């Protein structure tokens, strides 16, 4: 119940802050590491929070872990700040970085 209230509050804050802006549609799967780390599409923390919710939803995971989010964000930023990774889509980077190591 409490998680639902927090999520609803965050959505309302996001919607109310962007209501004066023009409507824009963004394909999240096409956002590159360069766009992510240089805030060309969105605030990186905001986009990372959306990604966290997206992947949690895919896994049917409803637990919020702020420490894990911060650690995941740090790993993603470290990966994306490397110029050789600038053209990699962020969602692809996440899937690469979270894939279990092959033995």
C-alpha atoms as a PDB file:
ATOM      1  CA  UNK A   1       0.000   0.000   0.000  1.00  0.00           C
ATOM      2  CA  UNK A   2       2.710   2.462   1.010  1.00  0.00           C
ATOM      3  CA  UNK A   3       4.759   1.687  -2.127  1.00  0.00           C
ATOM      4  CA  UNK A   4       1.705   2.403  -4.262  1.00  0.00           C
ATOM      5  CA  UNK A   5       1.202   5.756  -2.571  1.00  0.00           C
ATOM      6  CA  UNK A   6       4.843   6.706  -3.055  1.00  0.00           C
ATOM      7  CA  UNK A   7       4.742   5.688  -6.715  1.00  0.00           C
ATOM      8  CA  UNK A   8       1.497   7.590  -7.269  1.00  0.00           C
ATOM      9  CA  UNK A   9       3.015  10.675  -5.637  1.00  0.00           C
ATOM     10  CA  UNK A  10       6.106  10.479  -7.835  1.00  0.00           C
ATOM     11  CA  UNK A  11       3.981  10.151 -10.963  1.00  0.00           C
ATOM     12  CA  UNK A  12       1.863  13.163  -9.952  1.00  0.00           C
ATOM     13  CA  UNK A  13       4.975  15.268  -9.295  1.00  0.00           C
ATOM     14  CA  UNK A  14       6.420  14.262 -12.664  1.00  0.00           C
ATOM     15  CA  UNK A  15       3.189  14.966 -14.536  1.00  0.00           C
ATOM     16  CA  UNK A  16       2.578  18.308 -12.846  1.00  0.00           C
ATOM     17  CA  UNK A  17       6.122  19.492 -13.508  1.00  0.00           C
ATOM     18  CA  UNK A  18       5.932  18.631 -17.189  1.00  0.00           C
ATOM     19  CA  UNK A  19       2.354  19.735 -17.913  1.00  0.00           C
ATOM     20  CA  UNK A  20       3.431  23.138 -19.233  1.00  0.00           C
ATOM     21  CA  UNK A  21       5.845  21.582 -21.713  1.00  0.00           C
ATOM     22  CA  UNK A  22       4.964  20.258 -25.154  1.00  0.00           C
ATOM     23  CA  UNK A  23       4.183  16.567 -25.354  1.00  0.00           C
ATOM     24  CA  UNK A  24       7.158  14.562 -26.530  1.00  0.00           C
ATOM     25  CA  UNK A  25       7.404  10.858 -27.189  1.00  0.00           C
ATOM     26  CA  UNK A  26      10.758   9.174 -26.670  1.00  0.00           C
ATOM     27  CA  UNK A  27      11.704   5.614 -27.534  1.00  0.00           C
ATOM     28  CA  UNK A  28      13.689   4.642 -24.429  1.00  0.00           C
ATOM     29  CA  UNK A  29      15.359   1.763 -26.287  1.00  0.00           C
ATOM     30  CA  UNK A  30      17.118   4.259 -28.571  1.00  0.00           C
ATOM     31  CA  UNK A  31      18.669   6.498 -25.891  1.00  0.00           C
ATOM     32  CA  UNK A  32      22.433   6.104 -26.111  1.00  0.00           C
ATOM     33  CA  UNK A  33      24.981   6.203 -23.333  1.00  0.00           C
ATOM     34  CA  UNK A  34      26.198   9.586 -24.608  1.00  0.00           C
ATOM     35  CA  UNK A  35      22.686  11.043 -24.476  1.00  0.00           C
ATOM     36  CA  UNK A  36      22.226   9.558 -20.999  1.00  0.00           C
ATOM     37  CA  UNK A  37      25.406  10.846 -19.346  1.00  0.00           C
ATOM     38  CA  UNK A  38      25.235  14.281 -20.989  1.00  0.00           C
ATOM     39  CA  UNK A  39      21.553  14.820 -20.085  1.00  0.00           C
ATOM     40  CA  UNK A  40      20.582  15.268 -23.740  1.00  0.00           C
ATOM     41  CA  UNK A  41      17.208  13.556 -23.364  1.00  0.00           C
ATOM     42  CA  UNK A  42      16.404  13.696 -19.670  1.00  0.00           C
ATOM     43  CA  UNK A  43      17.951  14.069 -16.277  1.00  0.00           C
ATOM     44  CA  UNK A  44      20.041  10.879 -15.878  1.00  0.00           C
ATOM     45  CA  UNK A  45      18.642  10.108 -12.405  1.00  0.00           C
ATOM     46  CA  UNK A  46      15.066  10.499 -13.636  1.00  0.00           C
ATOM     47  CA  UNK A  47      15.690   8.213 -16.606  1.00  0.00           C
ATOM     48  CA  UNK A  48      17.525   5.712 -14.375  1.00  0.00           C
ATOM     49  CA  UNK A  49      14.552   5.668 -11.994  1.00  0.00           C
ATOM     50  CA  UNK A  50      12.230   4.983 -14.936  1.00  0.00           C
ATOM     51  CA  UNK A  51      14.542   2.193 -16.130  1.00  0.00           C
ATOM     52  CA  UNK A  52      14.625   0.711 -12.637  1.00  0.00           C
ATOM     53  CA  UNK A  53      10.835   0.620 -12.568  1.00  0.00           C
ATOM     54  CA  UNK A  54      10.679  -0.809 -16.084  1.00  0.00           C
ATOM     55  CA  UNK A  55      13.037  -3.679 -15.303  1.00  0.00           C
ATOM     56  CA  UNK A  56      11.458  -4.289 -11.890  1.00  0.00           C
ATOM     57  CA  UNK A  57       8.089  -4.567 -13.612  1.00  0.00           C
ATOM     58  CA  UNK A  58       9.461  -7.057 -16.130  1.00  0.00           C
ATOM     59  CA  UNK A  59      10.686  -9.173 -13.218  1.00  0.00           C
ATOM     60  CA  UNK A  60       7.449  -8.695 -11.249  1.00  0.00           C
ATOM     61  CA  UNK A  61       9.592  -7.206  -8.480  1.00  0.00           C
ATOM     62  CA  UNK A  62       7.846  -4.758  -6.139  1.00  0.00           C
ATOM     63  CA  UNK A  63      10.583  -4.148  -3.574  1.00  0.00           C
ATOM     64  CA  UNK A  64      12.392  -0.796  -3.675  1.00  0.00           C
ATOM     65  CA  UNK A  65      16.037  -0.882  -2.578  1.00  0.00           C
ATOM     66  CA  UNK A  66      17.626   2.596  -2.668  1.00  0.00           C
ATOM     67  CA  UNK A  67      21.143   1.242  -2.026  1.00  0.00           C
ATOM     68  CA  UNK A  68      20.874  -1.215  -4.922  1.00  0.00           C
ATOM     69  CA  UNK A  69      19.512   1.582  -7.145  1.00  0.00           C
ATOM     70  CA  UNK A  70      22.489   3.819  -6.311  1.00  0.00           C
ATOM     71  CA  UNK A  71      24.944   0.967  -6.966  1.00  0.00           C
ATOM     72  CA  UNK A  72      23.263   0.125 -10.288  1.00  0.00           C
ATOM     73  CA  UNK A  73      23.245   3.806 -11.286  1.00  0.00           C
ATOM     74  CA  UNK A  74      26.957   4.134 -10.478  1.00  0.00           C
ATOM     75  CA  UNK A  75      27.799   1.061 -12.583  1.00  0.00           C
ATOM     76  CA  UNK A  76      25.689   2.312 -15.476  1.00  0.00           C
ATOM     77  CA  UNK A  77      27.243   5.797 -15.346  1.00  0.00           C
ATOM     78  CA  UNK A  78      30.769   4.325 -15.212  1.00  0.00           C
ATOM     79  CA  UNK A  79      30.002   2.183 -18.256  1.00  0.00           C
ATOM     80  CA  UNK A  80      28.350   4.988 -20.195  1.00  0.00           C
ATOM     81  CA  UNK A  81      30.981   7.644 -19.393  1.00  0.00           C
ATOM     82  CA  UNK A  82      33.533   5.546 -21.270  1.00  0.00           C
ATOM     83  CA  UNK A  83      33.674   7.148 -24.732  1.00  0.00           C
ATOM     84  CA  UNK A  84      33.944   3.771 -26.460  1.00  0.00           C
ATOM     85  CA  UNK A  85      30.421   3.030 -25.156  1.00  0.00           C
ATOM     86  CA  UNK A  86      28.806   6.331 -26.196  1.00  0.00           C
ATOM     87  CA  UNK A  87      26.871   4.797 -29.118  1.00  0.00           C
ATOM     88  CA  UNK A  88      25.513   1.839 -27.160  1.00  0.00           C
ATOM     89  CA  UNK A  89      21.838   2.152 -26.233  1.00  0.00           C
ATOM     90  CA  UNK A  90      21.433   2.417 -22.452  1.00  0.00           C
ATOM     91  CA  UNK A  91      18.965  -0.464 -22.320  1.00  0.00           C
ATOM     92  CA  UNK A  92      21.451  -2.663 -24.188  1.00  0.00           C
ATOM     93  CA  UNK A  93      24.190  -1.583 -21.762  1.00  0.00           C
ATOM     94  CA  UNK A  94      22.013  -2.603 -18.813  1.00  0.00           C
ATOM     95  CA  UNK A  95      21.307  -5.992 -20.335  1.00  0.00           C
ATOM     96  CA  UNK A  96      25.013  -6.523 -21.101  1.00  0.00           C
ATOM     97  CA  UNK A  97      26.118  -5.486 -17.630  1.00  0.00           C
ATOM     98  CA  UNK A  98      23.516  -7.556 -15.778  1.00  0.00           C
ATOM     99  CA  UNK A  99      23.938 -10.728 -17.831  1.00  0.00           C
ATOM    100  CA  UNK A 100      25.438 -13.548 -15.731  1.00  0.00           C
ATOM    101  CA  UNK A 101      29.085 -14.306 -16.490  1.00  0.00           C
ATOM    102  CA  UNK A 102      29.629 -17.316 -18.722  1.00  0.00           C
ATOM    103  CA  UNK A 103      31.592 -20.149 -17.229  1.00  0.00           C
END
